[in-house]
């Protein structure tokens, strides 16, 4: 058997190969520069929106009902307090509204609240649990809570099966009835409904509003409430459609204005 101990010398000519180069057409550069992404418009569509975001595009929004503010306590997310140097600053209308919504998240809907003493006990319990501060409790409209506890709506809610702070996520086409042509994914809409209750087989939803109702000259509080209801027509329509799609049955709704009383949502 022959053992090769070193490579034989290889001549330079043996390893040189002919290389044929062909000049490449510059058309590919022009083609790449002129390329247009076919789904450019779809990039502008959000993949998820909140009902408040959609409503804000056409109407004045009640900042206290946005997704982040409403569910910060429900989901136990951190709620950052004002810094000390701002502690003396008067709270905004939105912050006051958030306080009212926080109280309503923990409101006993079993009919147990009947007078101011019950409201005081409720607020003290929220203070003890550090859900609200003692200073914040002084900003809460207790008279409005007492009026709510005496309302016909509260009595109906106490008699039914209740679900508070109900979140939902649903395809936007189910709410609008319009498909987005060529969309690779279905845009989603998320929302948070203050309360849903079922009474005698019928589902109802309730959305609390802290708007300050100011009647026009010669008008009444009822007229002011009807005007405010128009501002929330889109939001209430989406809530109603989302629940009807999930429950597969007709749903009725109420707007409750703390400045006034409940108004049925127009279908």
Protein backbone atom coordinates (compact mmCIF):
# COMPACT_ATOMS: atom_id res chain seq x y z
CA UNK A 1 0.00 0.00 0.00
CA UNK A 2 1.33 3.41 -1.02
CA UNK A 3 1.35 6.17 1.60
CA UNK A 4 1.36 9.78 0.36
CA UNK A 5 3.50 11.84 2.69
CA UNK A 6 3.39 15.16 0.90
CA UNK A 7 1.25 16.74 -1.72
CA UNK A 8 2.59 16.87 -5.12
CA UNK A 9 3.36 20.29 -6.43
CA UNK A 10 0.43 21.75 -8.23
CA UNK A 11 1.13 24.16 -10.96
CA UNK A 12 -0.52 27.54 -10.94
CA UNK A 13 -2.01 26.93 -14.34
CA UNK A 14 -3.87 23.88 -13.01
CA UNK A 15 -5.97 25.86 -10.52
CA UNK A 16 -6.70 28.92 -12.57
CA UNK A 17 -10.20 28.83 -14.06
CA UNK A 18 -11.69 31.14 -16.54
CA UNK A 19 -14.24 33.59 -15.03
CA UNK A 20 -16.77 35.08 -17.35
CA UNK A 21 -18.40 38.25 -16.02
CA UNK A 22 -21.57 39.58 -17.46
CA UNK A 23 -22.58 43.14 -16.68
CA UNK A 24 -25.87 43.16 -14.67
CA UNK A 25 -28.70 45.29 -15.92
CA UNK A 26 -29.52 48.29 -13.65
CA UNK A 27 -33.23 47.55 -14.07
CA UNK A 28 -33.35 45.70 -10.75
CA UNK A 29 -32.30 48.87 -8.95
CA UNK A 30 -35.06 50.84 -10.61
CA UNK A 31 -37.55 48.10 -9.82
CA UNK A 32 -36.56 48.08 -6.14
CA UNK A 33 -36.67 51.86 -5.87
CA UNK A 34 -40.13 51.99 -7.45
CA UNK A 35 -41.60 49.17 -5.34
CA UNK A 36 -44.83 50.07 -3.59
CA UNK A 37 -45.94 48.04 -0.56
CA UNK A 38 -49.48 46.86 -1.47
CA UNK A 39 -50.83 47.09 2.11
CA UNK A 40 -49.59 50.56 2.97
CA UNK A 41 -53.04 51.87 3.90
CA UNK A 42 -53.67 48.91 6.19
CA UNK A 43 -50.58 49.88 8.20
CA UNK A 44 -52.49 52.96 9.32
CA UNK A 45 -55.28 50.88 10.84
CA UNK A 46 -54.95 50.12 14.57
CA UNK A 47 -55.05 46.45 15.48
CA UNK A 48 -56.91 47.27 18.69
CA UNK A 49 -58.94 50.28 19.80
CA UNK A 50 -60.97 51.09 22.87
CA UNK A 51 -64.59 52.18 22.62
CA UNK A 52 -63.56 55.49 24.20
CA UNK A 53 -60.91 55.97 21.49
CA UNK A 54 -63.49 55.47 18.76
CA UNK A 55 -65.95 57.73 20.51
CA UNK A 56 -63.32 60.43 20.96
CA UNK A 57 -62.94 60.65 17.18
CA UNK A 58 -66.49 62.00 16.85
CA UNK A 59 -67.64 63.16 20.27
CA UNK A 60 -66.60 64.78 23.54
CA UNK A 61 -65.39 62.06 25.90
CA UNK A 62 -65.87 61.62 29.62
CA UNK A 63 -62.23 61.01 30.57
CA UNK A 64 -63.25 59.13 33.70
CA UNK A 65 -64.64 56.25 31.64
CA UNK A 66 -61.54 55.40 29.63
CA UNK A 67 -60.13 51.90 29.83
CA UNK A 68 -57.05 52.78 31.87
CA UNK A 69 -58.79 54.88 34.49
CA UNK A 70 -61.81 52.67 35.00
CA UNK A 71 -60.01 49.39 35.55
CA UNK A 72 -56.88 50.50 37.43
CA UNK A 73 -58.29 49.29 40.74
CA UNK A 74 -60.24 46.35 39.32
CA UNK A 75 -57.05 44.84 37.85
CA UNK A 76 -54.95 46.01 40.81
CA UNK A 77 -52.65 48.02 38.61
CA UNK A 78 -50.48 50.66 40.24
CA UNK A 79 -52.19 54.00 40.60
CA UNK A 80 -49.63 56.75 40.92
CA UNK A 81 -50.60 59.50 43.33
CA UNK A 82 -49.87 63.15 42.82
CA UNK A 83 -46.42 64.26 44.04
CA UNK A 84 -46.38 66.17 47.31
CA UNK A 85 -45.78 69.53 45.67
CA UNK A 86 -49.09 69.07 43.83
CA UNK A 87 -51.09 67.77 46.78
CA UNK A 88 -52.63 71.18 47.41
CA UNK A 89 -53.74 71.56 43.80
CA UNK A 90 -57.46 71.22 43.19
CA UNK A 91 -58.36 68.00 41.42
CA UNK A 92 -59.66 68.19 37.89
CA UNK A 93 -63.16 67.19 36.84
CA UNK A 94 -61.72 64.01 35.28
CA UNK A 95 -60.00 63.08 38.56
CA UNK A 96 -63.20 63.66 40.50
CA UNK A 97 -65.05 61.54 37.98
CA UNK A 98 -62.50 58.77 38.40
CA UNK A 99 -63.11 58.82 42.16
CA UNK A 100 -66.85 58.40 41.62
CA UNK A 101 -66.26 55.50 39.23
CA UNK A 102 -63.93 53.89 41.75
CA UNK A 103 -66.64 54.05 44.40
CA UNK A 104 -69.19 52.58 41.98
CA UNK A 105 -66.85 49.65 41.31
CA UNK A 106 -67.23 48.71 44.98
CA UNK A 107 -70.81 49.87 45.51
CA UNK A 108 -73.07 47.21 47.09
CA UNK A 109 -75.69 46.56 44.41
CA UNK A 110 -77.67 44.27 46.69
CA UNK A 111 -79.93 47.06 47.93
CA UNK A 112 -78.09 47.42 51.24
CA UNK A 113 -77.34 51.12 50.81
CA UNK A 114 -80.29 53.20 51.98
CA UNK A 115 -79.03 56.36 53.68
CA UNK A 116 -76.03 58.60 54.42
CA UNK A 117 -74.82 56.32 57.22
CA UNK A 118 -74.51 53.47 54.72
CA UNK A 119 -72.57 55.73 52.35
CA UNK A 120 -70.23 56.77 55.18
CA UNK A 121 -69.60 53.10 56.02
CA UNK A 122 -68.86 52.32 52.38
CA UNK A 123 -66.35 55.16 52.02
CA UNK A 124 -64.65 54.28 55.29
CA UNK A 125 -64.27 50.67 54.11
CA UNK A 126 -62.62 51.92 50.90
CA UNK A 127 -60.28 54.11 52.96
CA UNK A 128 -59.35 51.19 55.23
CA UNK A 129 -58.54 49.08 52.16
CA UNK A 130 -56.47 51.98 50.76
CA UNK A 131 -58.59 52.07 47.62
CA UNK A 132 -59.18 55.78 48.17
CA UNK A 133 -57.56 58.24 50.54
CA UNK A 134 -59.30 60.12 53.32
CA UNK A 135 -58.73 63.38 51.45
CA UNK A 136 -60.29 61.89 48.34
CA UNK A 137 -63.36 60.79 50.28
CA UNK A 138 -64.17 64.45 50.97
CA UNK A 139 -64.34 65.13 47.24
CA UNK A 140 -66.91 62.43 46.54
CA UNK A 141 -70.45 63.67 45.96
CA UNK A 142 -72.23 61.79 48.72
CA UNK A 143 -75.57 63.38 47.90
CA UNK A 144 -75.32 61.93 44.40
CA UNK A 145 -74.67 58.47 45.87
CA UNK A 146 -77.67 58.82 48.17
CA UNK A 147 -79.86 59.81 45.21
CA UNK A 148 -78.64 56.76 43.30
CA UNK A 149 -79.42 54.44 46.23
CA UNK A 150 -83.00 55.79 46.21
CA UNK A 151 -83.41 55.47 42.43
CA UNK A 152 -85.63 53.01 40.63
CA UNK A 153 -82.60 51.81 38.69
CA UNK A 154 -80.75 50.82 41.88
CA UNK A 155 -83.78 48.86 43.06
CA UNK A 156 -83.96 46.97 39.77
CA UNK A 157 -80.22 46.23 39.84
CA UNK A 158 -80.50 44.88 43.39
CA UNK A 159 -83.18 42.42 42.30
CA UNK A 160 -81.24 41.01 39.37
CA UNK A 161 -78.11 39.00 38.66
CA UNK A 162 -75.24 41.47 38.40
CA UNK A 163 -71.81 41.70 36.75
CA UNK A 164 -69.67 44.77 37.44
CA UNK A 165 -66.74 46.11 35.43
CA UNK A 166 -67.33 43.72 32.54
CA UNK A 167 -64.49 43.86 29.98
CA UNK A 168 -64.90 42.75 26.39
CA UNK A 169 -62.83 42.43 23.22
CA UNK A 170 -64.65 41.98 19.92
CA UNK A 171 -63.97 42.29 16.20
CA UNK A 172 -64.74 45.77 14.92
CA UNK A 173 -66.75 44.43 11.98
CA UNK A 174 -69.27 42.94 14.42
CA UNK A 175 -69.92 46.43 15.78
CA UNK A 176 -69.88 48.43 12.57
CA UNK A 177 -71.29 45.80 10.20
CA UNK A 178 -68.57 46.71 7.70
CA UNK A 179 -65.70 44.49 6.63
CA UNK A 180 -62.32 46.05 5.86
CA UNK A 181 -61.38 44.87 2.39
CA UNK A 182 -58.01 43.18 2.19
CA UNK A 183 -57.27 43.46 5.91
CA UNK A 184 -54.91 40.63 6.93
CA UNK A 185 -56.34 40.60 10.45
CA UNK A 186 -59.60 41.68 12.05
CA UNK A 187 -59.22 44.98 13.96
CA UNK A 188 -60.32 44.57 17.58
CA UNK A 189 -62.31 46.84 19.85
CA UNK A 190 -62.02 46.63 23.63
CA UNK A 191 -64.22 48.19 26.25
CA UNK A 192 -65.30 48.10 29.88
CA UNK A 193 -68.97 48.22 30.84
CA UNK A 194 -69.68 49.58 34.33
CA UNK A 195 -72.44 47.12 35.17
CA UNK A 196 -74.60 44.45 33.51
CA UNK A 197 -77.60 42.94 35.21
CA UNK A 198 -80.24 40.39 34.28
CA UNK A 199 -83.82 40.78 35.45
CA UNK A 200 -86.73 38.54 34.42
CA UNK A 201 -84.73 37.10 31.54
CA UNK A 202 -83.76 40.51 30.09
CA UNK A 203 -80.18 41.80 30.11
CA UNK A 204 -79.45 45.47 30.82
CA UNK A 205 -76.23 47.45 30.94
CA UNK A 206 -75.54 50.60 32.95
CA UNK A 207 -72.93 53.26 32.27
CA UNK A 208 -72.30 55.91 34.93
CA UNK A 209 -71.57 59.48 33.87
CA UNK A 210 -70.21 62.33 35.97
CA UNK A 211 -70.92 65.08 33.46
CA UNK A 212 -71.96 68.41 34.92
CA UNK A 213 -75.36 69.06 33.36
CA UNK A 214 -76.15 72.73 32.80
CA UNK A 215 -79.56 73.53 31.33
CA UNK A 216 -79.73 76.08 28.57
CA UNK A 217 -81.66 79.28 29.07
CA UNK A 218 -85.30 78.34 29.43
CA UNK A 219 -84.47 74.62 29.43
CA UNK A 220 -84.70 71.95 32.10
CA UNK A 221 -82.31 69.39 33.60
CA UNK A 222 -84.15 66.75 31.60
CA UNK A 223 -83.37 68.63 28.39
CA UNK A 224 -79.71 68.89 29.41
CA UNK A 225 -79.61 65.15 30.11
CA UNK A 226 -81.14 64.36 26.72
CA UNK A 227 -78.51 66.54 25.07
CA UNK A 228 -75.75 64.74 26.99
CA UNK A 229 -77.16 61.38 25.95
CA UNK A 230 -76.59 62.31 22.31
CA UNK A 231 -72.87 62.77 23.00
CA UNK A 232 -72.60 59.18 24.14
CA UNK A 233 -74.68 57.64 21.36
CA UNK A 234 -71.70 55.98 19.63
CA UNK A 235 -70.29 54.55 22.86
CA UNK A 236 -73.66 53.19 23.99
CA UNK A 237 -74.34 51.71 20.56
CA UNK A 238 -71.06 49.79 20.67
CA UNK A 239 -71.72 48.55 24.19
CA UNK A 240 -75.16 47.36 23.16
CA UNK A 241 -73.92 45.66 19.97
CA UNK A 242 -71.04 43.96 21.80
CA UNK A 243 -73.35 42.51 24.46
CA UNK A 244 -75.94 41.42 21.91
CA UNK A 245 -73.26 39.66 19.90
CA UNK A 246 -71.96 37.86 23.00
CA UNK A 247 -75.35 37.03 24.51
CA UNK A 248 -77.17 36.36 21.22
CA UNK A 249 -80.24 38.26 22.39
CA UNK A 250 -81.52 41.86 22.53
CA UNK A 251 -80.02 44.03 25.29
CA UNK A 252 -81.30 47.28 26.80
CA UNK A 253 -79.18 49.93 28.46
CA UNK A 254 -79.20 52.94 30.76
CA UNK A 255 -77.05 56.01 31.13
CA UNK A 256 -77.02 57.16 34.73
CA UNK A 257 -76.07 60.80 35.21
CA UNK A 258 -75.19 61.58 38.83
CA UNK A 259 -76.39 65.11 38.17
CA UNK A 260 -79.82 63.88 37.15
CA UNK A 261 -81.02 60.26 36.98
CA UNK A 262 -81.14 57.34 34.58
CA UNK A 263 -82.01 57.66 30.91
CA UNK A 264 -82.71 54.66 28.73
CA UNK A 265 -80.26 54.18 25.85
CA UNK A 266 -81.88 54.69 22.49
CA UNK A 267 -81.82 51.60 20.27
